[in-house]
Amino acid sequence: MEPRFLTIETSGRVGQIALAEGEVLRGVRQLDEARRHARDLAPAVAALLDQQGWKPADVQAVIVSLGPGSYTGLRVGLISAQTFAYATGCAVLGVPTFAAIARQADPAATKAAVLADAQQGKVYVQFFASSGMERLATSAVSIQPFDAFLTQCPDDVWLTGPAMELHSKGLAKNRHIVAAEAWHPRIASVLALGLARWQRGERDDLWKLEPEYGRPSAAEEKWDARKQS
């Protein structure tokens, strides 16, 4: 019997949750921006379980997208995953959001850069390269001014990620850009990466798993500035 998973992806404006058996999605539900609170996600999970005729105890692991992405969305997704895992005793598996996005790039994209908006003309950036059937990270996530990134980024690197909605127009024709429908993380990609971790026998510590914010929140940055003034 294939393992059963609850998968949560809430890094962007529109979140998704899904139930799956192995690599097969059994039910998917979208969560719009107005319903990205923990109190809203829990009933959505309950409704999806009921739709499939599953009990919470039937789920072997909850797979959750860790970011970078929306601070609010990531917190809600991870807290919901941790609460579900604690209540049911199932495993929890975190998946880097940029790795899921990189997985969706065109087969020709042997080198790719995943970009997300970091505001004030800056982007979160992480580079990936093909290795067999996988795309592996070749750098850590960093924050760079977009113009500086573009100047330094080689022409053979394909560009993808949510920030392409802001920056794709006006790029030079020799720039390789992944198709727009692959810029945002798909629930199936998050599932695939979580399933691979499950098959390798990997599990995350329920209490130590943290979102990958990429930098402090605006409120934290203001607080740090006040302490230093």
Protein backbone atom coordinates (compact mmCIF):
# COMPACT_ATOMS: atom_id res chain seq x y z
CA MET A 1 0.00 0.00 0.00
CA GLU A 2 1.33 3.42 -0.94
CA PRO A 3 1.97 5.90 1.90
CA ARG A 4 -0.63 8.60 2.34
CA PHE A 5 0.40 12.24 2.57
CA LEU A 6 -1.10 15.61 3.39
CA THR A 7 0.79 18.28 1.41
CA ILE A 8 0.69 22.00 2.25
CA GLU A 9 2.00 24.82 0.02
CA THR A 10 1.30 28.34 1.31
CA SER A 11 4.38 30.32 0.24
CA GLY A 12 2.53 32.57 -2.22
CA ARG A 13 -0.70 34.54 -2.59
CA VAL A 14 -2.74 31.44 -3.39
CA GLY A 15 -2.03 28.41 -1.24
CA GLN A 16 -2.88 24.78 -1.90
CA ILE A 17 -3.39 21.65 0.14
CA ALA A 18 -3.57 18.13 -1.22
CA LEU A 19 -3.95 14.50 -0.25
CA ALA A 20 -1.88 11.91 -2.05
CA GLU A 21 -1.14 8.21 -2.14
CA GLY A 22 2.48 7.87 -3.12
CA GLU A 23 3.01 10.18 -6.09
CA VAL A 24 -0.68 10.24 -7.04
CA LEU A 25 -2.72 13.28 -5.99
CA ARG A 26 -6.14 12.20 -4.69
CA GLY A 27 -7.58 15.60 -3.89
CA VAL A 28 -6.46 19.22 -4.16
CA ARG A 29 -7.96 22.37 -2.70
CA GLN A 30 -6.89 25.98 -3.31
CA LEU A 31 -6.71 28.54 -0.51
CA ASP A 32 -7.13 32.14 -1.61
CA GLU A 33 -5.30 35.03 0.00
CA ALA A 34 -8.18 35.85 2.31
CA ARG A 35 -8.14 32.34 3.81
CA ARG A 36 -4.50 31.85 4.76
CA HIS A 37 -5.01 31.76 8.51
CA ALA A 38 -4.50 28.64 10.61
CA ARG A 39 -8.16 28.77 11.62
CA ASP A 40 -9.16 28.57 7.93
CA LEU A 41 -6.63 25.98 6.80
CA ALA A 42 -7.63 23.40 9.43
CA PRO A 43 -11.30 23.19 8.28
CA ALA A 44 -10.09 22.98 4.66
CA VAL A 45 -7.91 20.00 5.55
CA ALA A 46 -10.82 18.39 7.40
CA ALA A 47 -13.12 18.87 4.41
CA LEU A 48 -10.54 17.38 2.03
CA LEU A 49 -10.08 14.34 4.28
CA ASP A 50 -13.83 13.88 4.46
CA GLN A 51 -14.11 14.17 0.68
CA GLN A 52 -11.62 11.32 0.24
CA GLY A 53 -13.08 9.25 3.06
CA TRP A 54 -9.83 9.38 5.03
CA LYS A 55 -9.34 9.75 8.75
CA PRO A 56 -6.51 11.98 10.02
CA ALA A 57 -4.80 8.85 11.37
CA ASP A 58 -4.65 7.45 7.82
CA VAL A 59 -1.99 10.03 6.89
CA GLN A 60 1.61 8.81 7.29
CA ALA A 61 3.29 12.19 6.81
CA VAL A 62 2.55 15.85 6.23
CA ILE A 63 4.76 17.53 3.62
CA VAL A 64 5.10 21.30 3.91
CA SER A 65 6.67 23.95 1.69
CA LEU A 66 9.22 25.94 3.73
CA GLY A 67 9.92 29.00 1.56
CA PRO A 68 11.29 31.53 0.87
CA GLY A 69 7.94 33.21 0.35
CA SER A 70 5.19 35.05 2.18
CA TYR A 71 5.94 35.41 5.90
CA THR A 72 2.29 34.97 6.82
CA GLY A 73 1.72 32.08 4.43
CA LEU A 74 4.82 30.19 5.54
CA ARG A 75 3.99 30.58 9.23
CA VAL A 76 0.43 29.38 8.67
CA GLY A 77 1.52 26.41 6.59
CA LEU A 78 4.19 25.24 9.00
CA ILE A 79 2.11 25.74 12.15
CA SER A 80 -0.73 23.80 10.53
CA ALA A 81 1.65 21.00 9.50
CA GLN A 82 3.16 20.81 12.99
CA THR A 83 -0.25 20.82 14.65
CA PHE A 84 -1.52 18.04 12.39
CA ALA A 85 1.62 15.94 12.92
CA TYR A 86 1.47 16.42 16.69
CA ALA A 87 -2.23 15.52 16.86
CA THR A 88 -1.94 12.40 14.69
CA GLY A 89 1.59 11.23 15.43
CA CYS A 90 2.52 11.25 11.75
CA ALA A 91 5.89 12.33 10.35
CA VAL A 92 6.58 15.84 9.03
CA LEU A 93 8.78 16.62 6.01
CA GLY A 94 9.85 20.12 4.98
CA VAL A 95 10.57 20.95 1.34
CA PRO A 96 12.41 24.09 0.11
CA THR A 97 10.02 26.04 -2.10
CA PHE A 98 12.73 27.10 -4.55
CA ALA A 99 13.69 23.45 -5.11
CA ALA A 100 10.06 22.72 -6.06
CA ILE A 101 10.05 25.63 -8.53
CA ALA A 102 13.38 24.60 -10.04
CA ARG A 103 12.01 21.10 -10.58
CA GLN A 104 9.31 22.54 -12.86
CA ALA A 105 11.70 24.24 -15.30
CA ASP A 106 12.02 23.16 -18.94
CA PRO A 107 14.18 20.07 -19.52
CA ALA A 108 16.53 22.31 -21.51
CA ALA A 109 17.18 24.42 -18.41
CA THR A 110 20.29 22.61 -17.19
CA LYS A 111 21.14 25.76 -15.22
CA ALA A 112 18.41 27.80 -13.55
CA ALA A 113 17.99 30.69 -11.13
CA VAL A 114 14.85 30.86 -9.01
CA LEU A 115 13.82 34.42 -8.08
CA ALA A 116 11.29 35.77 -5.60
CA ASP A 117 10.51 39.39 -4.80
CA ALA A 118 12.40 40.76 -1.79
CA GLN A 119 10.95 44.29 -2.27
CA GLN A 120 12.76 47.57 -2.86
CA GLY A 121 14.12 46.34 -6.19
CA LYS A 122 15.73 43.27 -4.65
CA VAL A 123 15.17 39.56 -5.20
CA TYR A 124 15.77 36.32 -3.37
CA VAL A 125 18.01 34.21 -5.62
CA GLN A 126 19.08 30.58 -5.64
CA PHE A 127 20.90 28.75 -8.44
CA PHE A 128 20.26 25.18 -9.52
CA ALA A 129 21.86 22.77 -12.00
CA SER A 130 20.72 19.48 -13.52
CA SER A 131 22.25 16.31 -12.12
CA GLY A 132 20.82 13.26 -13.81
CA MET A 133 17.05 13.42 -13.39
CA GLU A 134 17.24 15.99 -10.59
CA ARG A 135 18.00 19.69 -10.22
CA LEU A 136 20.26 20.35 -7.29
CA ALA A 137 20.96 23.66 -5.57
CA THR A 138 24.39 25.04 -6.38
CA SER A 139 24.12 28.05 -4.06
CA ALA A 140 22.40 29.16 -0.90
CA VAL A 141 19.50 31.61 -1.06
CA SER A 142 20.77 35.19 -1.19
CA ILE A 143 19.23 38.65 -1.54
CA GLN A 144 20.50 40.84 -4.36
CA PRO A 145 19.41 43.97 -6.22
CA PHE A 146 17.76 42.65 -9.36
CA ASP A 147 19.87 44.82 -11.66
CA ALA A 148 23.08 43.58 -10.04
CA PHE A 149 21.91 39.98 -10.30
CA LEU A 150 21.11 40.40 -13.98
CA THR A 151 24.50 41.92 -14.71
CA GLN A 152 26.33 39.01 -13.09
CA CYS A 153 24.05 36.15 -14.18
CA PRO A 154 25.41 34.17 -17.18
CA ASP A 155 23.25 34.14 -20.31
CA ASP A 156 22.88 30.34 -20.26
CA VAL A 157 21.03 30.41 -16.92
CA TRP A 158 17.25 30.09 -17.22
CA LEU A 159 15.22 32.46 -15.06
CA THR A 160 12.13 31.40 -13.15
CA GLY A 161 10.21 32.05 -9.94
CA PRO A 162 7.47 34.40 -8.69
CA ALA A 163 9.63 37.52 -9.19
CA MET A 164 9.47 37.00 -12.94
CA GLU A 165 5.99 38.52 -12.83
CA LEU A 166 7.69 41.81 -11.96
CA HIS A 167 10.89 41.52 -13.95
CA SER A 168 10.29 39.42 -17.08
CA LYS A 169 9.25 42.34 -19.29
CA GLY A 170 12.05 44.23 -20.95
CA LEU A 171 14.69 41.53 -20.54
CA ALA A 172 17.12 41.03 -23.40
CA LYS A 173 16.00 38.55 -26.05
CA ASN A 174 18.96 36.30 -25.34
CA ARG A 175 17.72 35.67 -21.81
CA HIS A 176 16.22 32.22 -21.28
CA ILE A 177 12.94 32.42 -19.33
CA VAL A 178 10.98 29.44 -18.07
CA ALA A 179 7.30 29.34 -19.12
CA ALA A 180 5.12 31.54 -16.92
CA GLU A 181 2.92 28.66 -15.75
CA ALA A 182 5.98 27.19 -13.98
CA TRP A 183 6.99 30.32 -12.03
CA HIS A 184 5.01 29.41 -8.93
CA PRO A 185 5.35 26.19 -6.89
CA ARG A 186 2.95 23.42 -7.82
CA ILE A 187 1.56 21.15 -5.14
CA ALA A 188 2.67 18.14 -7.21
CA SER A 189 6.28 19.37 -7.14
CA VAL A 190 6.22 19.80 -3.37
CA LEU A 191 4.75 16.31 -3.07
CA ALA A 192 7.44 14.80 -5.33
CA LEU A 193 10.28 16.25 -3.28
CA GLY A 194 8.63 15.20 -0.02
CA LEU A 195 8.05 11.69 -1.35
CA ALA A 196 11.73 11.43 -2.32
CA ARG A 197 12.71 12.37 1.24
CA TRP A 198 10.25 9.84 2.64
CA GLN A 199 11.68 7.08 0.46
CA ARG A 200 15.20 7.94 1.65
CA GLY A 201 14.00 7.46 5.21
CA GLU A 202 14.35 11.12 6.12
CA ARG A 203 12.14 12.74 8.76
CA ASP A 204 12.20 16.23 10.32
CA ASP A 205 12.09 17.10 13.99
CA LEU A 206 8.60 18.38 14.65
CA TRP A 207 9.80 21.03 17.10
CA LYS A 208 12.90 22.24 15.24
CA LEU A 209 11.51 22.70 11.72
CA GLU A 210 11.49 26.38 10.73
CA PRO A 211 10.39 28.34 7.64
CA GLU A 212 13.12 29.55 5.28
CA TYR A 213 12.28 33.25 5.34
CA GLY A 214 15.52 34.35 3.69
CA ARG A 215 15.73 37.43 5.95
CA PRO A 216 13.99 38.93 9.01
CA SER A 217 10.47 40.26 8.58
CA ALA A 218 9.92 44.00 8.15
CA ALA A 219 8.77 44.23 11.77
CA GLU A 220 11.92 42.44 12.96
CA GLU A 221 14.13 44.71 10.85
CA LYS A 222 12.46 47.80 12.36
CA TRP A 223 12.88 46.42 15.85
CA ASP A 224 16.59 45.71 15.23
CA ALA A 225 17.03 49.25 13.87
CA ARG A 226 15.44 50.72 17.01
CA LYS A 227 17.73 48.69 19.26
CA GLN A 228 20.78 49.93 17.38
CA SER A 229 19.72 53.60 17.38
